[in-house]
Amino acid sequence: MARIFHALGLDFAILGREEKCAGDSQRLAGERGLFEMLAEENIRTLSKYEFQHIVVTDPHALNAFRKHYPKLGAQYDVWHYTTLLARELSRLQPLLVRPLPYRVTFHDPCYLGRHNGEYDAPRQLIQAIPGIEFVEMLRCRENSYCCGGGGGGMWLDSFAAGHQRRRLSEERVLEAVSTGADTLVVCCPYEVSRFEDAVKSTGNEGRLRVRDIAELLAEAMGMIGEATA
């Protein structure tokens, strides 16, 4: 992500070791005190710096900063990285010089889409990449299907496995496979973990890969490998 921002000439900084979890999953799992502790520490850290926007890679962090930090007295202009890059698309697109021979489908993160209304930016970025064939899953946009990682679900996987025929992440991977896609594109770190495991547990290794939009953009910019015709 930093390399993409550098290529666009964006003025940005990274908190590095000062960065802590935004706390949204802890809040949703009922650990309100832990959420407030994390939020207050983040607010103190951010108060040391001057900036106009916060850019996040995690839709759960987006939701926390936008909707729950203000309740603690902290107001920020927060964007998911796909929103920022879509706004910079006129400058980004000429840098996408390497065609990617992939048939891809996209999973809408719950906290980017339904909770924060951003459906178009990820698709604009995917469709700007030369060579990409984009296909939608049946359940998409407002009707998308949860990966099962939010609300503490990431830590209840073994419990869920004993109480349902198939994990939500496995259902979603099978839906992605049914489109004929070779790549399931995501823009949430929870989804990378959830879907990579589900690809293995459903026997689809070698048939479906999980990639973040930022990875595809970096690949199309020639920053990382892959891209075989």
Foldseek 3Di string as FASTA:
>chain_A
DVVLCVLLVHDDDDPPPQDDDCQQLCVLLPNVVVNVVNLVSVVVVPVVDDDQEAEDLALSSVCCQPPPSVVVVDHGHYYYVLVVCLVVVVVLLVLLAAAFQWEEEEADECSVAVVPNDAVSLVSLQVSHHNYHYDYFPQDGNRGFHLQPGSPSVVCVVVVVVPDPDHSLLVVLVSRVVVVTQEYEYRHPSNQVSNVVSCVVVVNVVRYYYYYSVVSSCVSSVNDDDRDD
